[in-house]
């Protein structure tokens, strides 16, 4: 019984960790894309705005 319980707990922790890792990666890539696109957009606006 104890080993069964421990296995379940380990499985649950493992699943949570995997979920967290995927979530963190998604958030990181999402933030990076947003920051990069904003950075590029601002640069383009500055560059084109400066020419006009």
N, C-alpha and C. Protein backbone atom coordinates (compact mmCIF):
# COMPACT_ATOMS: atom_id res chain seq x y z
N UNK A 1 0.84 -1.20 0.00
CA UNK A 1 0.00 0.00 0.00
C UNK A 1 0.87 1.25 0.00
N UNK A 2 1.89 1.25 0.84
CA UNK A 2 2.76 2.43 0.92
C UNK A 2 3.45 2.69 -0.40
N UNK A 3 3.97 1.64 -1.02
CA UNK A 3 4.69 1.84 -2.28
C UNK A 3 3.73 2.36 -3.36
N UNK A 4 2.50 1.86 -3.33
CA UNK A 4 1.51 2.33 -4.31
C UNK A 4 1.28 3.83 -4.12
N UNK A 5 1.13 4.24 -2.89
CA UNK A 5 0.88 5.66 -2.58
C UNK A 5 2.08 6.50 -3.02
N UNK A 6 3.29 6.01 -2.71
CA UNK A 6 4.48 6.76 -3.07
C UNK A 6 4.56 6.90 -4.60
N UNK A 7 4.24 5.82 -5.31
CA UNK A 7 4.31 5.88 -6.77
C UNK A 7 3.32 6.91 -7.29
N UNK A 8 2.13 6.95 -6.73
CA UNK A 8 1.13 7.92 -7.16
C UNK A 8 1.61 9.34 -6.92
N UNK A 9 2.18 9.56 -5.75
CA UNK A 9 2.68 10.90 -5.42
C UNK A 9 3.79 11.29 -6.39
N UNK A 10 4.71 10.36 -6.66
CA UNK A 10 5.79 10.66 -7.60
C UNK A 10 5.24 10.97 -8.98
N UNK A 11 4.25 10.18 -9.39
CA UNK A 11 3.66 10.42 -10.71
C UNK A 11 3.01 11.79 -10.75
N UNK A 12 2.32 12.14 -9.68
CA UNK A 12 1.64 13.43 -9.66
C UNK A 12 2.66 14.56 -9.71
N UNK A 13 3.71 14.43 -8.90
CA UNK A 13 4.75 15.47 -8.92
C UNK A 13 5.37 15.58 -10.29
N UNK A 14 5.65 14.42 -10.89
CA UNK A 14 6.28 14.42 -12.21
C UNK A 14 5.38 15.13 -13.21
N UNK A 15 4.08 14.79 -13.18
CA UNK A 15 3.13 15.43 -14.10
C UNK A 15 3.08 16.92 -13.88
N UNK A 16 3.01 17.34 -12.62
CA UNK A 16 2.97 18.78 -12.31
C UNK A 16 4.23 19.45 -12.83
N UNK A 17 5.38 18.82 -12.61
CA UNK A 17 6.64 19.40 -13.06
C UNK A 17 6.66 19.55 -14.57
N UNK A 18 6.19 18.52 -15.26
CA UNK A 18 6.17 18.58 -16.73
C UNK A 18 5.25 19.70 -17.17
N UNK A 19 4.07 19.79 -16.54
CA UNK A 19 3.13 20.85 -16.89
C UNK A 19 3.76 22.22 -16.65
N UNK A 20 4.40 22.36 -15.49
CA UNK A 20 5.02 23.64 -15.15
C UNK A 20 6.09 24.00 -16.16
N UNK A 21 6.90 22.99 -16.51
CA UNK A 21 8.00 23.26 -17.44
C UNK A 21 7.43 23.71 -18.78
N UNK A 22 6.40 23.01 -19.28
CA UNK A 22 5.81 23.39 -20.56
C UNK A 22 5.22 24.78 -20.46
N UNK A 23 4.54 25.06 -19.34
CA UNK A 23 3.91 26.36 -19.17
C UNK A 23 4.97 27.45 -19.15
N UNK A 24 6.05 27.20 -18.40
CA UNK A 24 7.13 28.19 -18.32
C UNK A 24 7.73 28.43 -19.70
N UNK A 25 7.98 27.36 -20.46
CA UNK A 25 8.56 27.52 -21.80
C UNK A 25 7.62 28.33 -22.68
N UNK A 26 6.32 28.01 -22.59
CA UNK A 26 5.35 28.74 -23.41
C UNK A 26 5.36 30.21 -23.04
N UNK A 27 5.35 30.50 -21.75
CA UNK A 27 5.34 31.89 -21.31
C UNK A 27 6.60 32.60 -21.76
N UNK A 28 7.73 31.90 -21.61
CA UNK A 28 9.01 32.52 -22.00
C UNK A 28 9.01 32.85 -23.50
N UNK A 29 8.62 31.88 -24.32
CA UNK A 29 8.64 32.12 -25.77
C UNK A 29 7.63 33.20 -26.13
N UNK A 30 6.47 33.17 -25.48
CA UNK A 30 5.44 34.18 -25.76
C UNK A 30 5.97 35.56 -25.42
N UNK A 31 6.58 35.69 -24.24
CA UNK A 31 7.12 36.99 -23.83
C UNK A 31 8.23 37.43 -24.77
N UNK A 32 9.11 36.50 -25.13
CA UNK A 32 10.22 36.85 -26.00
C UNK A 32 9.70 37.35 -27.34
N UNK A 33 8.71 36.64 -27.90
CA UNK A 33 8.16 37.07 -29.19
C UNK A 33 7.55 38.45 -29.07
N UNK A 34 6.78 38.66 -28.00
CA UNK A 34 6.14 39.96 -27.81
C UNK A 34 7.17 41.07 -27.67
N UNK A 35 8.19 40.82 -26.85
CA UNK A 35 9.22 41.84 -26.63
C UNK A 35 9.96 42.12 -27.93
N UNK A 36 10.30 41.06 -28.65
CA UNK A 36 11.03 41.25 -29.91
C UNK A 36 10.18 42.01 -30.91
N UNK A 37 8.91 41.63 -31.03
CA UNK A 37 8.07 42.31 -32.02
C UNK A 37 7.88 43.77 -31.63
N UNK A 38 7.72 44.02 -30.32
CA UNK A 38 7.54 45.41 -29.89
C UNK A 38 8.82 46.20 -30.17
N UNK A 39 9.97 45.56 -29.87
CA UNK A 39 11.26 46.20 -30.10
C UNK A 39 11.42 46.55 -31.58
N UNK A 40 11.10 45.57 -32.45
CA UNK A 40 11.24 45.81 -33.88
C UNK A 40 10.29 46.88 -34.35
N UNK A 41 9.05 46.82 -33.82
CA UNK A 41 8.05 47.80 -34.25
C UNK A 41 8.50 49.20 -33.86
N UNK A 42 9.00 49.34 -32.62
CA UNK A 42 9.46 50.65 -32.18
C UNK A 42 10.64 51.13 -33.03
N UNK A 43 11.55 50.20 -33.33
CA UNK A 43 12.70 50.57 -34.16
C UNK A 43 12.26 51.01 -35.54
N UNK A 44 11.31 50.26 -36.12
CA UNK A 44 10.82 50.62 -37.45
C UNK A 44 10.15 51.99 -37.40
N UNK A 45 9.32 52.20 -36.36
CA UNK A 45 8.63 53.48 -36.25
C UNK A 45 9.65 54.61 -36.12
N UNK A 46 10.68 54.39 -35.29
CA UNK A 46 11.70 55.42 -35.11
C UNK A 46 12.42 55.70 -36.42
N UNK A 47 12.81 54.60 -37.11
CA UNK A 47 13.58 54.75 -38.33
C UNK A 47 12.74 55.46 -39.40
N UNK A 48 11.51 54.97 -39.60
CA UNK A 48 10.67 55.57 -40.64
C UNK A 48 10.19 56.95 -40.21
N UNK A 49 9.92 57.09 -38.90
CA UNK A 49 9.46 58.40 -38.42
C UNK A 49 10.56 59.44 -38.56
N UNK A 50 11.81 59.00 -38.35
CA UNK A 50 12.91 59.93 -38.46
C UNK A 50 13.12 60.40 -39.89
N UNK A 51 12.81 59.52 -40.86
CA UNK A 51 13.01 59.89 -42.26
C UNK A 51 11.95 60.89 -42.71
N UNK A 52 10.71 60.71 -42.22
CA UNK A 52 9.61 61.56 -42.70
C UNK A 52 9.75 62.98 -42.18
